[in-house]
Each structure stands twice: as structure tokens, then as C-alpha cells.
Amino acid sequence: MQAELNSLNKRKVFGPIVTTPRDVKPVGYRWIFVRKRNEKNKVTRYKARLVVQGFSQRPGIDYEETYSPVMDAITFRYLISLAVSKNLEMRLMKVVTAYLYGSIDNDIYMKIPEGFKIPDSLSSKPKEMCSIKLQRSLYGLKQSGRMWYNRLSDYLIKKLLKRFNMDKENPLSTPMVERSLNVDNDPFRPCEDDEEIIGPKVPHLTPIGALMYLTNCTRPDISFAVNLLARFSSSPTKGTRTESNTFFDIFEEPSI
């Protein structure tokens, strides 16, 4: 138990112990104890995990959205078969206590678990009148998966922006510029015969591929605009390159 509490304190999951605010119902908790066994069914270590009783959360008060996309089992099996057929190497990455890295989107108070010391300023009050405020997601919360997904998505988008040197650009709220009804002024018009084509030294296909990955995973709202840019993959111009840079500016804004 102490090892689990040390891990939670290290990641700053808990805030201060306070008197429970009026009209707030603290969520419950539970200690889960597990025996870890090896392939010979021999106990190798004992593990304790503190989880929140998510069933005590109230919709609209303790959480809003809970949806978090996950990989389908069929997709996972396909990737394994593809790696085998192409003689590719697969690597597995495990994020230890992943949910603890997600930030809380609501004010959530939890009953004080065993092992926590009540501050001297609250020692005169019954323990039932006090609670501990959560600062990060904890296993068992209904929105924990979504909070971890949002944290991971933000990190990957920042890496993408930095990869194409767009992390210092000014943010935009829309992925497309205003299009003119005049074909001659349309930035997405067909390439003219005398229009300069950018060479291979200027990356174009790589950012388009990265944007297409986002449209299939986390940003379907940019699908139409990415489709327009992909039409110029074989002969990109300076104009289409400028428009592809515009796409990365929207990722400085919150996701839609």
C-alpha cells in the first residue's frame, strides 16, 4: 500500500485534504490487492492499487465526456499478420500507470483513503466531513481513459508541429483559407503550365501523410481540406505548400 501511495504522490495525483464543500458528494475508493504469478504459477510479488469507485460519479457534475477511441482487436491482428508477412520487427511500448498522467476536467473530491494523515488544522473534525481533491486521473474514474487519450494526443501533435518547424507559428481556428468563386484566384486551382513546381528538397508528401494519419485517427474535421491538398501530391506548388503549412497552425488551437 505504501509503495502505491508513494507512486501516486510522486505523480501529484492528490491535492490537499480539505473540508468537503457544501453540495459536493465525494466519490468512494477501494484498495485492490493482486498476487502476481510467473509462468510456473509461483507468486513473484504482491501488488496494491488504489482505484476510484466510478459508479458513484454523477453525470454532468463529476464528468462530461467519457469516450476514448481504442484499437479494435481485428486491426491489431491484422498488424501482426502484416509484420509477419513483411518480415518486420514489432516493438511494444508500455506506459506505466498511464491514466495517472491525464489531467482532470472536473473538480472531483474523494473520500480519504487509509494511509493518509489528516492535517492538524482538521484533526478536530470527523473524517467523514473531509475529503481529498484529485489533481490527476485515477484508475476507476469514468473519464480516465479520455483524459489519458487527450494527454497523449496533445503530445503527439506537439511533436508533429516541431517536426515540420511549425511549433512557433501563430494559431488559426480553421484549416482552410477563404476560397474565391473566381477560379483564377482559387489557391486550390489546377496547376498552371508556367507555375513553379517545388523540388524534392521541400517536403510536401511527408506532411500530407502526417495530416492524413490525423484525419483517420483524431481529427476527422480536417478531412475535406486534406483531400484538396492531396490532389497536388505529384506536382506541388509554392501555393499548395503554403496551404499545407496553414494546417499545422490550427493545432495550436484546442481540438474541435
C-alpha atoms as a PDB file:
ATOM      1  CA  MET A   1       0.000   0.000   0.000  1.00  0.00           C
ATOM      2  CA  GLN A   2       2.757   2.421   0.864  1.00  0.00           C
ATOM      3  CA  ALA A   3       4.501   1.803  -2.456  1.00  0.00           C
ATOM      4  CA  GLU A   4       1.266   2.639  -4.298  1.00  0.00           C
ATOM      5  CA  LEU A   5       0.759   5.805  -2.266  1.00  0.00           C
ATOM      6  CA  ASN A   6       4.357   6.864  -2.920  1.00  0.00           C
ATOM      7  CA  SER A   7       3.781   6.388  -6.647  1.00  0.00           C
ATOM      8  CA  LEU A   8       0.594   8.464  -6.567  1.00  0.00           C
ATOM      9  CA  ASN A   9       2.245  11.227  -4.547  1.00  0.00           C
ATOM     10  CA  LYS A  10       5.210  11.272  -6.937  1.00  0.00           C
ATOM     11  CA  ARG A  11       2.857  11.985  -9.849  1.00  0.00           C
ATOM     12  CA  LYS A  12       0.965  14.592  -7.799  1.00  0.00           C
ATOM     13  CA  VAL A  13      -2.371  12.822  -8.153  1.00  0.00           C
ATOM     14  CA  PHE A  14      -3.739  14.173  -4.881  1.00  0.00           C
ATOM     15  CA  GLY A  15      -4.370  17.724  -3.845  1.00  0.00           C
ATOM     16  CA  PRO A  16      -4.800  18.922  -0.271  1.00  0.00           C
ATOM     17  CA  ILE A  17      -7.135  17.367   2.260  1.00  0.00           C
ATOM     18  CA  VAL A  18      -9.927  19.873   2.825  1.00  0.00           C
ATOM     19  CA  THR A  19     -13.341  20.159   4.370  1.00  0.00           C
ATOM     20  CA  THR A  20     -15.790  18.786   1.840  1.00  0.00           C
ATOM     21  CA  PRO A  21     -17.538  21.720   0.107  1.00  0.00           C
ATOM     22  CA  ARG A  22     -21.269  22.054   0.508  1.00  0.00           C
ATOM     23  CA  ASP A  23     -23.366  20.198  -2.100  1.00  0.00           C
ATOM     24  CA  VAL A  24     -20.358  18.013  -3.008  1.00  0.00           C
ATOM     25  CA  LYS A  25     -20.595  14.242  -2.704  1.00  0.00           C
ATOM     26  CA  PRO A  26     -17.102  12.697  -2.539  1.00  0.00           C
ATOM     27  CA  VAL A  27     -16.599   9.599  -4.654  1.00  0.00           C
ATOM     28  CA  GLY A  28     -15.646   6.384  -2.933  1.00  0.00           C
ATOM     29  CA  TYR A  29     -12.492   4.326  -3.315  1.00  0.00           C
ATOM     30  CA  ARG A  30     -11.278   0.774  -2.962  1.00  0.00           C
ATOM     31  CA  TRP A  31      -7.959  -0.973  -2.451  1.00  0.00           C
ATOM     32  CA  ILE A  32      -7.323  -3.813  -4.914  1.00  0.00           C
ATOM     33  CA  PHE A  33      -4.777  -6.456  -3.875  1.00  0.00           C
ATOM     34  CA  VAL A  34      -3.327  -8.793  -6.501  1.00  0.00           C
ATOM     35  CA  ARG A  35      -0.800 -11.624  -6.432  1.00  0.00           C
ATOM     36  CA  LYS A  36       1.485 -11.518  -9.481  1.00  0.00           C
ATOM     37  CA  ARG A  37       2.491 -15.005 -10.652  1.00  0.00           C
ATOM     38  CA  ASN A  38       5.037 -16.268 -13.156  1.00  0.00           C
ATOM     39  CA  GLU A  39       4.662 -18.989 -15.813  1.00  0.00           C
ATOM     40  CA  LYS A  40       5.047 -21.657 -13.086  1.00  0.00           C
ATOM     41  CA  ASN A  41       2.173 -20.170 -11.096  1.00  0.00           C
ATOM     42  CA  LYS A  42       4.557 -19.071  -8.396  1.00  0.00           C
ATOM     43  CA  VAL A  43       3.832 -15.786  -6.615  1.00  0.00           C
ATOM     44  CA  THR A  44       6.559 -13.307  -7.555  1.00  0.00           C
ATOM     45  CA  ARG A  45       5.243 -10.165  -5.912  1.00  0.00           C
ATOM     46  CA  TYR A  46       2.241  -8.593  -4.275  1.00  0.00           C
ATOM     47  CA  LYS A  47       0.634  -5.519  -5.729  1.00  0.00           C
ATOM     48  CA  ALA A  48      -1.821  -2.988  -4.286  1.00  0.00           C
ATOM     49  CA  ARG A  49      -3.725  -0.455  -6.351  1.00  0.00           C
ATOM     50  CA  LEU A  50      -5.984   2.362  -5.203  1.00  0.00           C
ATOM     51  CA  VAL A  51      -8.987   2.810  -7.516  1.00  0.00           C
ATOM     52  CA  VAL A  52     -11.948   5.156  -7.511  1.00  0.00           C
ATOM     53  CA  GLN A  53     -15.475   3.799  -7.330  1.00  0.00           C
ATOM     54  CA  GLY A  54     -16.572   5.351 -10.601  1.00  0.00           C
ATOM     55  CA  PHE A  55     -20.139   4.133 -10.195  1.00  0.00           C
ATOM     56  CA  SER A  56     -20.584   6.818  -7.520  1.00  0.00           C
ATOM     57  CA  GLN A  57     -19.829   9.613 -10.006  1.00  0.00           C
ATOM     58  CA  ARG A  58     -22.726  11.757 -11.198  1.00  0.00           C
ATOM     59  CA  PRO A  59     -23.045  12.599 -14.905  1.00  0.00           C
ATOM     60  CA  GLY A  60     -22.927  16.311 -15.656  1.00  0.00           C
ATOM     61  CA  ILE A  61     -21.325  17.005 -12.281  1.00  0.00           C
ATOM     62  CA  ASP A  62     -18.325  14.718 -11.870  1.00  0.00           C
ATOM     63  CA  TYR A  63     -17.791  14.037 -15.577  1.00  0.00           C
ATOM     64  CA  GLU A  64     -18.968  15.107 -19.042  1.00  0.00           C
ATOM     65  CA  GLU A  65     -17.406  13.112 -21.892  1.00  0.00           C
ATOM     66  CA  THR A  66     -16.037   9.601 -21.417  1.00  0.00           C
ATOM     67  CA  TYR A  67     -15.460   8.399 -24.984  1.00  0.00           C
ATOM     68  CA  SER A  68     -11.915   7.364 -25.824  1.00  0.00           C
ATOM     69  CA  PRO A  69     -11.034   5.616 -29.125  1.00  0.00           C
ATOM     70  CA  VAL A  70      -9.227   2.290 -28.850  1.00  0.00           C
ATOM     71  CA  MET A  71      -7.787  -0.121 -31.394  1.00  0.00           C
ATOM     72  CA  ASP A  72     -10.099  -2.894 -32.493  1.00  0.00           C
ATOM     73  CA  ALA A  73      -8.871  -6.456 -31.966  1.00  0.00           C
ATOM     74  CA  ILE A  74      -9.239  -7.189 -35.691  1.00  0.00           C
ATOM     75  CA  THR A  75      -6.934  -4.262 -36.512  1.00  0.00           C
ATOM     76  CA  PHE A  76      -4.365  -5.493 -34.032  1.00  0.00           C
ATOM     77  CA  ARG A  77      -4.385  -8.996 -35.514  1.00  0.00           C
ATOM     78  CA  TYR A  78      -4.022  -7.525 -38.997  1.00  0.00           C
ATOM     79  CA  LEU A  79      -0.947  -5.545 -37.927  1.00  0.00           C
ATOM     80  CA  ILE A  80       0.633  -8.692 -36.508  1.00  0.00           C
ATOM     81  CA  SER A  81      -0.050 -10.649 -39.704  1.00  0.00           C
ATOM     82  CA  LEU A  82       1.302  -7.776 -41.806  1.00  0.00           C
ATOM     83  CA  ALA A  83       4.512  -7.651 -39.758  1.00  0.00           C
ATOM     84  CA  VAL A  84       4.973 -11.413 -40.155  1.00  0.00           C
ATOM     85  CA  SER A  85       4.332 -11.376 -43.917  1.00  0.00           C
ATOM     86  CA  LYS A  86       6.737  -8.463 -44.474  1.00  0.00           C
ATOM     87  CA  ASN A  87       9.310  -9.803 -42.024  1.00  0.00           C
ATOM     88  CA  LEU A  88       9.078  -6.602 -39.983  1.00  0.00           C
ATOM     89  CA  GLU A  89      10.083  -6.031 -36.385  1.00  0.00           C
ATOM     90  CA  MET A  90       7.370  -5.092 -33.885  1.00  0.00           C
ATOM     91  CA  ARG A  91       8.011  -3.189 -30.694  1.00  0.00           C
ATOM     92  CA  LEU A  92       5.723  -2.859 -27.715  1.00  0.00           C
ATOM     93  CA  MET A  93       5.702   0.265 -25.569  1.00  0.00           C
ATOM     94  CA  LYS A  94       4.114   0.212 -22.147  1.00  0.00           C
ATOM     95  CA  VAL A  95       3.346   3.402 -20.258  1.00  0.00           C
ATOM     96  CA  VAL A  96       3.453   2.574 -16.559  1.00  0.00           C
ATOM     97  CA  THR A  97       0.386   3.930 -14.713  1.00  0.00           C
ATOM     98  CA  ALA A  98      -0.715   5.698 -17.918  1.00  0.00           C
ATOM     99  CA  TYR A  99      -4.005   7.029 -16.548  1.00  0.00           C
ATOM    100  CA  LEU A 100      -2.194   8.968 -13.834  1.00  0.00           C
ATOM    101  CA  TYR A 101      -0.761  11.331 -16.464  1.00  0.00           C
ATOM    102  CA  GLY A 102      -4.183  12.637 -17.519  1.00  0.00           C
ATOM    103  CA  SER A 103      -5.472  15.940 -16.153  1.00  0.00           C
ATOM    104  CA  ILE A 104      -8.883  16.164 -14.522  1.00  0.00           C
ATOM    105  CA  ASP A 105     -11.545  18.166 -16.400  1.00  0.00           C
ATOM    106  CA  ASN A 106     -13.889  18.474 -13.388  1.00  0.00           C
ATOM    107  CA  ASP A 107     -13.485  19.178  -9.690  1.00  0.00           C
ATOM    108  CA  ILE A 108     -13.588  15.736  -8.080  1.00  0.00           C
ATOM    109  CA  TYR A 109     -13.311  15.053  -4.360  1.00  0.00           C
ATOM    110  CA  MET A 110     -12.614  11.583  -2.992  1.00  0.00           C
ATOM    111  CA  LYS A 111     -13.070  10.092   0.428  1.00  0.00           C
ATOM    112  CA  ILE A 112      -9.821   9.968   2.369  1.00  0.00           C
ATOM    113  CA  PRO A 113      -8.186   6.528   1.956  1.00  0.00           C
ATOM    114  CA  GLU A 114      -6.352   4.614   4.631  1.00  0.00           C
ATOM    115  CA  GLY A 115      -2.762   5.687   4.940  1.00  0.00           C
ATOM    116  CA  PHE A 116      -3.419   9.438   4.703  1.00  0.00           C
ATOM    117  CA  LYS A 117      -2.756  11.704   7.651  1.00  0.00           C
ATOM    118  CA  ILE A 118      -5.360  14.330   8.478  1.00  0.00           C
ATOM    119  CA  PRO A 119      -3.788  17.823   8.808  1.00  0.00           C
ATOM    120  CA  ASP A 120      -3.658  19.242  12.312  1.00  0.00           C
ATOM    121  CA  SER A 121      -5.979  22.059  11.278  1.00  0.00           C
ATOM    122  CA  LEU A 122      -8.704  19.482  10.501  1.00  0.00           C
ATOM    123  CA  SER A 123      -7.961  16.977  13.245  1.00  0.00           C
ATOM    124  CA  SER A 124     -10.882  18.214  15.352  1.00  0.00           C
ATOM    125  CA  LYS A 125     -13.388  17.411  12.599  1.00  0.00           C
ATOM    126  CA  PRO A 126     -14.792  13.955  11.844  1.00  0.00           C
ATOM    127  CA  LYS A 127     -13.068  12.194   8.964  1.00  0.00           C
ATOM    128  CA  GLU A 128     -16.397  11.936   7.120  1.00  0.00           C
ATOM    129  CA  MET A 129     -16.511  15.741   6.821  1.00  0.00           C
ATOM    130  CA  CYS A 130     -13.188  15.853   4.964  1.00  0.00           C
ATOM    131  CA  SER A 131     -12.144  14.747   1.505  1.00  0.00           C
ATOM    132  CA  ILE A 132      -9.150  14.903  -0.801  1.00  0.00           C
ATOM    133  CA  LYS A 133      -9.241  16.722  -4.124  1.00  0.00           C
ATOM    134  CA  LEU A 134      -7.920  14.866  -7.162  1.00  0.00           C
ATOM    135  CA  GLN A 135      -5.497  16.737  -9.417  1.00  0.00           C
ATOM    136  CA  ARG A 136      -4.983  13.954 -11.966  1.00  0.00           C
ATOM    137  CA  SER A 137      -6.907  10.988 -13.293  1.00  0.00           C
ATOM    138  CA  LEU A 138      -7.077   7.887 -11.159  1.00  0.00           C
ATOM    139  CA  TYR A 139      -7.984   4.365 -12.171  1.00  0.00           C
ATOM    140  CA  GLY A 140     -11.713   3.838 -11.891  1.00  0.00           C
ATOM    141  CA  LEU A 141     -12.829   7.329 -12.926  1.00  0.00           C
ATOM    142  CA  LYS A 142     -15.233   7.241 -15.842  1.00  0.00           C
ATOM    143  CA  GLN A 143     -13.240   9.859 -17.770  1.00  0.00           C
ATOM    144  CA  SER A 144      -9.755   8.452 -17.032  1.00  0.00           C
ATOM    145  CA  GLY A 145      -9.373   6.851 -20.464  1.00  0.00           C
ATOM    146  CA  ARG A 146     -10.420  10.034 -22.236  1.00  0.00           C
ATOM    147  CA  MET A 147      -8.069  12.205 -20.152  1.00  0.00           C
ATOM    148  CA  TRP A 148      -5.102   9.942 -20.977  1.00  0.00           C
ATOM    149  CA  TYR A 149      -6.077   9.930 -24.655  1.00  0.00           C
ATOM    150  CA  ASN A 150      -6.231  13.739 -24.705  1.00  0.00           C
ATOM    151  CA  ARG A 151      -2.855  13.990 -22.999  1.00  0.00           C
ATOM    152  CA  LEU A 152      -1.257  11.588 -25.483  1.00  0.00           C
ATOM    153  CA  SER A 153      -2.892  13.333 -28.481  1.00  0.00           C
ATOM    154  CA  ASP A 154      -1.630  16.744 -27.369  1.00  0.00           C
ATOM    155  CA  TYR A 155       1.882  15.362 -27.000  1.00  0.00           C
ATOM    156  CA  LEU A 156       1.872  13.726 -30.443  1.00  0.00           C
ATOM    157  CA  ILE A 157       0.544  16.877 -32.113  1.00  0.00           C
ATOM    158  CA  LYS A 158       3.261  18.970 -30.500  1.00  0.00           C
ATOM    159  CA  LYS A 159       5.862  16.511 -31.789  1.00  0.00           C
ATOM    160  CA  LEU A 160       4.309  16.772 -35.249  1.00  0.00           C
ATOM    161  CA  LEU A 161       4.449  20.570 -35.198  1.00  0.00           C
ATOM    162  CA  LYS A 162       8.064  20.533 -34.064  1.00  0.00           C
ATOM    163  CA  ARG A 163       9.000  18.031 -36.764  1.00  0.00           C
ATOM    164  CA  PHE A 164       7.938  20.455 -39.505  1.00  0.00           C
ATOM    165  CA  ASN A 165       9.208  23.574 -37.678  1.00  0.00           C
ATOM    166  CA  MET A 166       5.680  24.867 -37.133  1.00  0.00           C
ATOM    167  CA  ASP A 167       5.659  24.925 -33.330  1.00  0.00           C
ATOM    168  CA  LYS A 168       6.345  28.691 -33.196  1.00  0.00           C
ATOM    169  CA  GLU A 169       3.659  29.750 -35.680  1.00  0.00           C
ATOM    170  CA  ASN A 170       0.576  31.787 -34.809  1.00  0.00           C
ATOM    171  CA  PRO A 171      -2.539  29.650 -34.275  1.00  0.00           C
ATOM    172  CA  LEU A 172      -5.564  29.601 -36.581  1.00  0.00           C
ATOM    173  CA  SER A 173      -9.108  28.439 -35.912  1.00  0.00           C
ATOM    174  CA  THR A 174      -9.840  26.938 -39.357  1.00  0.00           C
ATOM    175  CA  PRO A 175      -7.847  24.581 -41.605  1.00  0.00           C
ATOM    176  CA  MET A 176      -8.906  26.321 -44.858  1.00  0.00           C
ATOM    177  CA  VAL A 177      -8.418  29.804 -46.237  1.00  0.00           C
ATOM    178  CA  GLU A 178     -11.342  31.613 -47.803  1.00  0.00           C
ATOM    179  CA  ARG A 179     -11.819  30.319 -51.328  1.00  0.00           C
ATOM    180  CA  SER A 180     -12.775  32.628 -54.166  1.00  0.00           C
ATOM    181  CA  LEU A 181     -15.517  31.842 -56.684  1.00  0.00           C
ATOM    182  CA  ASN A 182     -13.103  33.137 -59.315  1.00  0.00           C
ATOM    183  CA  VAL A 183     -11.110  30.124 -60.499  1.00  0.00           C
ATOM    184  CA  ASP A 184      -8.044  32.282 -61.238  1.00  0.00           C
ATOM    185  CA  ASN A 185      -7.873  33.375 -57.586  1.00  0.00           C
ATOM    186  CA  ASP A 186      -8.587  29.966 -56.063  1.00  0.00           C
ATOM    187  CA  PRO A 187      -5.466  28.668 -54.231  1.00  0.00           C
ATOM    188  CA  PHE A 188      -6.614  25.111 -54.992  1.00  0.00           C
ATOM    189  CA  ARG A 189      -6.991  25.640 -58.749  1.00  0.00           C
ATOM    190  CA  PRO A 190      -5.273  23.225 -61.154  1.00  0.00           C
ATOM    191  CA  CYS A 191      -1.564  23.838 -61.691  1.00  0.00           C
ATOM    192  CA  GLU A 192      -0.770  26.268 -64.496  1.00  0.00           C
ATOM    193  CA  ASP A 193       1.756  25.391 -67.201  1.00  0.00           C
ATOM    194  CA  ASP A 194       4.093  28.226 -66.205  1.00  0.00           C
ATOM    195  CA  GLU A 195       3.627  27.764 -62.444  1.00  0.00           C
ATOM    196  CA  GLU A 196       6.745  26.863 -60.499  1.00  0.00           C
ATOM    197  CA  ILE A 197       6.840  23.347 -59.072  1.00  0.00           C
ATOM    198  CA  ILE A 198       8.679  22.943 -55.770  1.00  0.00           C
ATOM    199  CA  GLY A 199      11.543  20.485 -55.840  1.00  0.00           C
ATOM    200  CA  PRO A 200      12.170  17.379 -53.742  1.00  0.00           C
ATOM    201  CA  LYS A 201      14.204  19.405 -51.240  1.00  0.00           C
ATOM    202  CA  VAL A 202      10.984  20.968 -49.950  1.00  0.00           C
ATOM    203  CA  PRO A 203       8.953  18.283 -48.122  1.00  0.00           C
ATOM    204  CA  HIS A 204       5.337  18.039 -49.227  1.00  0.00           C
ATOM    205  CA  LEU A 205       4.312  14.391 -49.243  1.00  0.00           C
ATOM    206  CA  THR A 206       5.590  13.848 -45.705  1.00  0.00           C
ATOM    207  CA  PRO A 207       3.374  16.490 -44.028  1.00  0.00           C
ATOM    208  CA  ILE A 208       0.412  15.405 -46.182  1.00  0.00           C
ATOM    209  CA  GLY A 209       0.903  11.837 -44.981  1.00  0.00           C
ATOM    210  CA  ALA A 210       1.053  13.019 -41.375  1.00  0.00           C
ATOM    211  CA  LEU A 211      -2.148  15.019 -41.847  1.00  0.00           C
ATOM    212  CA  MET A 212      -3.895  12.043 -43.439  1.00  0.00           C
ATOM    213  CA  TYR A 213      -2.972   9.961 -40.394  1.00  0.00           C
ATOM    214  CA  LEU A 214      -4.646  12.545 -38.175  1.00  0.00           C
ATOM    215  CA  THR A 215      -7.814  12.549 -40.298  1.00  0.00           C
ATOM    216  CA  ASN A 216      -8.142   8.784 -39.813  1.00  0.00           C
ATOM    217  CA  CYS A 217      -7.473   8.868 -36.077  1.00  0.00           C
ATOM    218  CA  THR A 218      -8.207  12.050 -34.140  1.00  0.00           C
ATOM    219  CA  ARG A 219      -9.087  14.935 -36.480  1.00  0.00           C
ATOM    220  CA  PRO A 220     -11.838  13.971 -38.952  1.00  0.00           C
ATOM    221  CA  ASP A 221     -12.793  17.664 -39.123  1.00  0.00           C
ATOM    222  CA  ILE A 222      -9.867  18.396 -41.476  1.00  0.00           C
ATOM    223  CA  SER A 223     -10.607  15.542 -43.899  1.00  0.00           C
ATOM    224  CA  PHE A 224     -12.037  17.686 -46.704  1.00  0.00           C
ATOM    225  CA  ALA A 225      -9.190  20.199 -46.649  1.00  0.00           C
ATOM    226  CA  VAL A 226      -6.531  17.470 -46.548  1.00  0.00           C
ATOM    227  CA  ASN A 227      -8.223  15.833 -49.522  1.00  0.00           C
ATOM    228  CA  LEU A 228      -7.772  19.047 -51.507  1.00  0.00           C
ATOM    229  CA  LEU A 229      -4.072  19.236 -50.692  1.00  0.00           C
ATOM    230  CA  ALA A 230      -3.520  15.574 -51.540  1.00  0.00           C
ATOM    231  CA  ARG A 231      -4.581  16.284 -55.132  1.00  0.00           C
ATOM    232  CA  PHE A 232      -1.283  18.102 -55.671  1.00  0.00           C
ATOM    233  CA  SER A 233       0.967  15.308 -54.405  1.00  0.00           C
ATOM    234  CA  SER A 234       2.620  14.706 -57.795  1.00  0.00           C
ATOM    235  CA  SER A 235       3.195  18.398 -58.636  1.00  0.00           C
ATOM    236  CA  PRO A 236       3.040  20.608 -55.540  1.00  0.00           C
ATOM    237  CA  THR A 237       3.479  24.359 -55.993  1.00  0.00           C
ATOM    238  CA  LYS A 238       4.513  27.093 -53.577  1.00  0.00           C
ATOM    239  CA  GLY A 239       0.839  27.911 -53.096  1.00  0.00           C
ATOM    240  CA  THR A 240      -0.132  24.423 -52.011  1.00  0.00           C
ATOM    241  CA  ARG A 241       2.926  24.273 -49.763  1.00  0.00           C
ATOM    242  CA  THR A 242       1.731  27.447 -48.041  1.00  0.00           C
ATOM    243  CA  GLU A 243      -1.707  25.923 -47.571  1.00  0.00           C
ATOM    244  CA  SER A 244      -0.250  22.770 -46.020  1.00  0.00           C
ATOM    245  CA  ASN A 245       1.628  24.961 -43.525  1.00  0.00           C
ATOM    246  CA  THR A 246      -1.696  26.594 -42.655  1.00  0.00           C
ATOM    247  CA  PHE A 247      -2.995  23.224 -41.494  1.00  0.00           C
ATOM    248  CA  PHE A 248      -0.395  22.939 -38.783  1.00  0.00           C
ATOM    249  CA  ASP A 249      -1.355  26.334 -37.391  1.00  0.00           C
ATOM    250  CA  ILE A 250      -4.783  25.038 -36.347  1.00  0.00           C
ATOM    251  CA  PHE A 251      -3.193  22.512 -33.968  1.00  0.00           C
ATOM    252  CA  GLU A 252      -2.167  25.392 -31.725  1.00  0.00           C
ATOM    253  CA  GLU A 253      -5.901  25.821 -31.139  1.00  0.00           C
ATOM    254  CA  PRO A 254      -7.940  23.394 -28.958  1.00  0.00           C
ATOM    255  CA  SER A 255      -9.231  20.319 -30.817  1.00  0.00           C
ATOM    256  CA  ILE A 256     -12.738  20.581 -32.186  1.00  0.00           C
END
